[in-house]
Amino acid sequence: MDSLKRIIEDNDTKWGRFFDLLIQSLIVVSLITFSLETLPDLSVPARRWLRHIEIVTVTLFTCEYILRFFVADRKLGFLFSFFGIVDLLAILPFYIASGVDLRSIRAFRLLRLFRTFKIVRYSKAIQRFHRALLIAREELILFLLVTLLLLYFSAVGIYYFENEAQPIAFASVFHSLWWAVVTLTTVGYGDVYPVTTGGRVFTFVVLMIGLGTISVPAGIVASALSKARDIEE
């Protein structure tokens, strides 16, 4: 029991690291096979081989999930932990045939590589970034609230300008929210755009605000990172 627990949970040992790297390799294989299955012109034999690979990987992931639960000191804690939920969601649809393919969630399991190579424990850069987020937390929350207000007012404004001219594209404030998101983030897909003079002027104002909106969080984080570095030194 103790030796099995060391292999599964302690990657400081030779077999523990081998187990972790084997599981991570299987995750990469499963992600590749999932991506290949989305190709439209795959032959029937190729799809059959990919299906066989998926069965093997799901079987191994299921065994790993059961073993991790078996050796866990706090079994409920494991079940409701981040990785416990991700592991379960990644294999559950295969057994219940729900039609919802969640295999891509397995990509989150690659985060265990940070633990395997001790990146989280020893990386000063990650610790510095975490400290910077704590320093700038209030500013970022305030920025998020202001951005949500700007999105709402932008949707309301363009609705009043364009509703009569384009009653389908700007049928309501809710319909106008898509235009507000695309314009305020300066993406500009062009699928919905103003045709009235007032709407175009209003769009210009929103675009100018959007240019500033994009740069604000970058400046906040950069300043916080600089403070975090000063604290560290």
Protein backbone atom coordinates (compact mmCIF):
# COMPACT_ATOMS: atom_id res chain seq x y z
CA MET A 1 0.00 0.00 0.00
CA ASP A 2 2.72 2.49 0.98
CA SER A 3 4.87 1.63 -2.02
CA LEU A 4 1.89 2.07 -4.36
CA LYS A 5 1.06 5.41 -2.75
CA ARG A 6 4.67 6.60 -3.26
CA ILE A 7 4.56 5.66 -6.95
CA ILE A 8 1.26 7.44 -7.58
CA GLU A 9 1.64 10.54 -5.42
CA ASP A 10 5.40 10.98 -4.90
CA ASN A 11 7.25 11.83 -8.10
CA ASP A 12 10.55 12.20 -6.28
CA THR A 13 11.08 8.46 -6.71
CA LYS A 14 12.21 6.83 -9.94
CA TRP A 15 8.98 4.87 -10.44
CA GLY A 16 6.86 7.83 -9.34
CA ARG A 17 8.36 10.07 -11.99
CA PHE A 18 8.03 7.30 -14.57
CA PHE A 19 4.34 6.92 -13.67
CA ASP A 20 3.72 10.66 -13.98
CA LEU A 21 5.50 10.94 -17.34
CA LEU A 22 3.65 7.88 -18.65
CA ILE A 23 0.28 9.41 -17.77
CA GLN A 24 1.26 12.77 -19.29
CA SER A 25 2.33 10.98 -22.49
CA LEU A 26 -1.01 9.20 -22.64
CA ILE A 27 -2.79 12.54 -22.23
CA VAL A 28 -0.88 13.97 -25.20
CA VAL A 29 -1.73 10.87 -27.27
CA SER A 30 -5.42 11.15 -26.37
CA LEU A 31 -5.50 14.85 -27.29
CA ILE A 32 -3.87 14.12 -30.66
CA THR A 33 -6.30 11.29 -31.43
CA PHE A 34 -9.24 13.49 -30.42
CA SER A 35 -8.02 16.22 -32.80
CA LEU A 36 -7.48 13.71 -35.61
CA GLU A 37 -11.03 12.40 -35.23
CA THR A 38 -12.37 15.84 -36.12
CA LEU A 39 -10.84 15.61 -39.62
CA PRO A 40 -13.72 15.28 -42.12
CA ASP A 41 -12.09 12.91 -44.64
CA LEU A 42 -10.75 10.18 -42.37
CA SER A 43 -11.06 6.64 -43.69
CA VAL A 44 -13.04 4.01 -41.84
CA PRO A 45 -9.92 2.00 -40.85
CA ALA A 46 -8.28 5.15 -39.50
CA ARG A 47 -11.33 5.95 -37.40
CA ARG A 48 -11.36 2.38 -36.16
CA TRP A 49 -7.72 2.62 -35.04
CA LEU A 50 -8.36 5.94 -33.33
CA ARG A 51 -11.33 4.39 -31.55
CA HIS A 52 -9.17 1.51 -30.32
CA ILE A 53 -6.56 3.97 -29.02
CA GLU A 54 -9.29 5.90 -27.20
CA ILE A 55 -10.57 2.72 -25.55
CA VAL A 56 -7.07 1.85 -24.33
CA THR A 57 -6.33 5.34 -23.02
CA VAL A 58 -9.72 5.63 -21.27
CA THR A 59 -9.17 2.24 -19.65
CA LEU A 60 -5.76 3.32 -18.36
CA PHE A 61 -7.11 6.69 -17.18
CA THR A 62 -9.92 4.90 -15.36
CA CYS A 63 -7.43 2.61 -13.61
CA GLU A 64 -5.34 5.64 -12.67
CA TYR A 65 -8.41 7.46 -11.31
CA ILE A 66 -9.38 4.47 -9.18
CA LEU A 67 -5.81 4.08 -7.88
CA ARG A 68 -5.55 7.77 -6.98
CA PHE A 69 -8.84 7.53 -5.12
CA PHE A 70 -7.70 4.33 -3.40
CA VAL A 71 -4.42 5.80 -2.07
CA ALA A 72 -5.79 9.26 -1.23
CA ASP A 73 -5.71 10.15 2.46
CA ARG A 74 -8.79 12.34 2.08
CA LYS A 75 -10.95 10.55 -0.48
CA LEU A 76 -13.71 13.18 -0.57
CA GLY A 77 -11.04 15.83 -0.90
CA PHE A 78 -9.67 14.04 -3.96
CA LEU A 79 -13.12 13.62 -5.52
CA PHE A 80 -13.88 17.34 -5.26
CA SER A 81 -10.38 18.60 -6.02
CA PHE A 82 -9.61 20.34 -9.31
CA PHE A 83 -7.76 17.39 -10.80
CA GLY A 84 -10.26 14.89 -9.39
CA ILE A 85 -13.15 16.66 -11.16
CA VAL A 86 -11.16 17.07 -14.39
CA ASP A 87 -10.18 13.39 -14.38
CA LEU A 88 -13.78 12.30 -13.85
CA LEU A 89 -15.23 14.61 -16.51
CA ALA A 90 -12.63 13.40 -19.01
CA ILE A 91 -13.66 9.73 -18.74
CA LEU A 92 -17.32 9.83 -17.66
CA PRO A 93 -18.90 10.66 -21.07
CA PHE A 94 -17.18 7.59 -22.54
CA TYR A 95 -19.14 5.30 -20.21
CA ILE A 96 -22.51 7.02 -20.18
CA ALA A 97 -22.56 7.78 -23.94
CA SER A 98 -23.91 11.25 -23.28
CA GLY A 99 -22.98 12.62 -26.70
CA VAL A 100 -20.91 15.35 -25.04
CA ASP A 101 -17.23 14.88 -25.84
CA LEU A 102 -15.11 16.27 -23.02
CA ARG A 103 -11.80 14.70 -23.98
CA SER A 104 -10.25 18.10 -24.57
CA ILE A 105 -10.57 18.72 -20.81
CA ARG A 106 -7.66 16.31 -20.41
CA ALA A 107 -5.39 19.14 -21.51
CA PHE A 108 -5.80 20.58 -18.00
CA ARG A 109 -4.17 17.44 -16.63
CA LEU A 110 -0.92 18.56 -18.27
CA LEU A 111 -0.72 21.08 -15.43
CA ARG A 112 0.59 18.18 -13.36
CA LEU A 113 3.85 18.66 -15.27
CA PHE A 114 4.46 21.70 -13.06
CA ARG A 115 4.39 19.42 -10.05
CA THR A 116 6.44 16.70 -11.75
CA PHE A 117 9.33 19.03 -12.57
CA LYS A 118 8.92 21.14 -9.39
CA ILE A 119 8.26 24.26 -11.48
CA VAL A 120 5.65 25.63 -9.09
CA ARG A 121 7.85 25.17 -6.04
CA TYR A 122 11.01 26.74 -7.39
CA SER A 123 9.96 29.12 -10.13
CA LYS A 124 10.42 32.67 -8.92
CA ALA A 125 8.67 33.96 -12.03
CA ILE A 126 5.41 32.20 -11.19
CA GLN A 127 5.59 33.34 -7.58
CA ARG A 128 6.28 36.90 -8.74
CA PHE A 129 3.30 36.84 -11.11
CA HIS A 130 1.05 35.53 -8.33
CA ARG A 131 2.25 38.31 -6.04
CA ALA A 132 1.60 40.86 -8.79
CA LEU A 133 -1.98 39.66 -9.21
CA LEU A 134 -2.53 40.05 -5.47
CA ILE A 135 -1.09 43.58 -5.58
CA ALA A 136 -3.28 44.61 -8.53
CA ARG A 137 -6.36 42.67 -7.46
CA GLU A 138 -8.47 45.70 -6.50
CA GLU A 139 -7.51 47.63 -9.64
CA LEU A 140 -8.31 44.66 -11.89
CA ILE A 141 -11.70 44.11 -10.23
CA LEU A 142 -12.52 47.82 -10.62
CA PHE A 143 -11.41 47.68 -14.26
CA LEU A 144 -13.63 44.66 -14.89
CA LEU A 145 -16.66 46.41 -13.40
CA VAL A 146 -16.02 49.56 -15.43
CA THR A 147 -15.60 47.49 -18.59
CA LEU A 148 -18.94 45.75 -17.99
CA LEU A 149 -20.60 49.14 -17.57
CA LEU A 150 -18.99 50.39 -20.79
CA LEU A 151 -20.25 47.33 -22.64
CA TYR A 152 -23.77 47.92 -21.40
CA PHE A 153 -23.83 51.64 -22.22
CA SER A 154 -22.28 50.96 -25.63
CA ALA A 155 -25.04 48.45 -26.38
CA VAL A 156 -27.72 50.90 -25.24
CA GLY A 157 -26.24 53.75 -27.28
CA ILE A 158 -25.92 51.84 -30.54
CA TYR A 159 -29.42 50.44 -30.04
CA TYR A 160 -30.92 53.93 -29.98
CA PHE A 161 -28.90 55.00 -33.02
CA GLU A 162 -29.43 51.93 -35.20
CA ASN A 163 -32.67 50.24 -34.13
CA GLU A 164 -34.88 52.05 -36.66
CA ALA A 165 -32.39 51.69 -39.52
CA GLN A 166 -31.52 48.04 -38.75
CA PRO A 167 -34.37 46.52 -36.72
CA ILE A 168 -33.07 42.97 -37.20
CA ALA A 169 -29.37 43.45 -36.40
CA PHE A 170 -30.10 45.78 -33.47
CA ALA A 171 -33.46 44.40 -32.37
CA SER A 172 -32.79 44.99 -28.68
CA VAL A 173 -30.08 45.98 -26.23
CA PHE A 174 -29.25 42.29 -25.86
CA HIS A 175 -28.75 41.94 -29.63
CA SER A 176 -26.56 45.04 -29.53
CA LEU A 177 -24.27 43.57 -26.87
CA TRP A 178 -22.44 41.52 -29.53
CA TRP A 179 -21.63 44.70 -31.45
CA ALA A 180 -20.52 46.34 -28.20
CA VAL A 181 -18.13 43.49 -27.36
CA VAL A 182 -16.63 43.37 -30.85
CA THR A 183 -16.23 47.14 -31.06
CA LEU A 184 -14.99 47.84 -27.54
CA THR A 185 -12.33 45.13 -27.88
CA THR A 186 -11.39 46.65 -31.29
CA VAL A 187 -11.81 43.27 -33.01
CA GLY A 188 -14.25 44.58 -35.59
CA TYR A 189 -15.57 41.45 -37.35
CA GLY A 190 -17.76 43.57 -39.63
CA ASP A 191 -20.76 41.24 -39.40
CA VAL A 192 -22.78 43.98 -37.65
CA TYR A 193 -21.99 47.63 -38.26
CA PRO A 194 -23.77 51.03 -38.09
CA VAL A 195 -25.23 52.68 -41.18
CA THR A 196 -26.52 55.94 -39.69
CA THR A 197 -24.36 59.01 -39.20
CA GLY A 198 -25.04 59.09 -35.46
CA GLY A 199 -24.22 55.40 -35.17
CA ARG A 200 -20.90 55.84 -36.97
CA VAL A 201 -19.90 58.78 -34.79
CA PHE A 202 -20.87 56.80 -31.71
CA THR A 203 -18.82 53.86 -33.02
CA PHE A 204 -15.78 56.11 -33.40
CA VAL A 205 -16.12 57.20 -29.76
CA VAL A 206 -16.47 53.60 -28.58
CA LEU A 207 -13.42 52.57 -30.61
CA MET A 208 -11.32 55.31 -29.03
CA ILE A 209 -12.46 54.19 -25.59
CA GLY A 210 -11.73 50.61 -26.59
CA LEU A 211 -8.13 51.40 -27.49
CA GLY A 212 -7.60 52.75 -23.98
CA THR A 213 -9.54 49.91 -22.41
CA ILE A 214 -7.24 47.30 -23.94
CA SER A 215 -4.08 49.00 -22.68
CA VAL A 216 -5.24 49.58 -19.09
CA PRO A 217 -4.97 46.00 -17.71
CA ALA A 218 -1.58 45.53 -19.38
CA GLY A 219 -0.30 48.66 -17.63
CA ILE A 220 -1.77 47.59 -14.30
CA VAL A 221 -0.16 44.14 -14.46
CA ALA A 222 3.18 45.55 -15.65
CA SER A 223 3.25 48.02 -12.76
CA ALA A 224 2.30 45.28 -10.29
CA LEU A 225 5.04 43.01 -11.64
CA SER A 226 7.55 45.79 -11.13
CA LYS A 227 6.40 46.23 -7.51
CA ALA A 228 6.54 42.48 -6.97
CA ARG A 229 10.11 42.40 -8.24
CA ASP A 230 11.05 45.25 -5.88
CA ILE A 231 9.48 43.37 -2.95
CA GLU A 232 11.34 40.22 -3.91
CA GLU A 233 14.68 42.02 -4.06
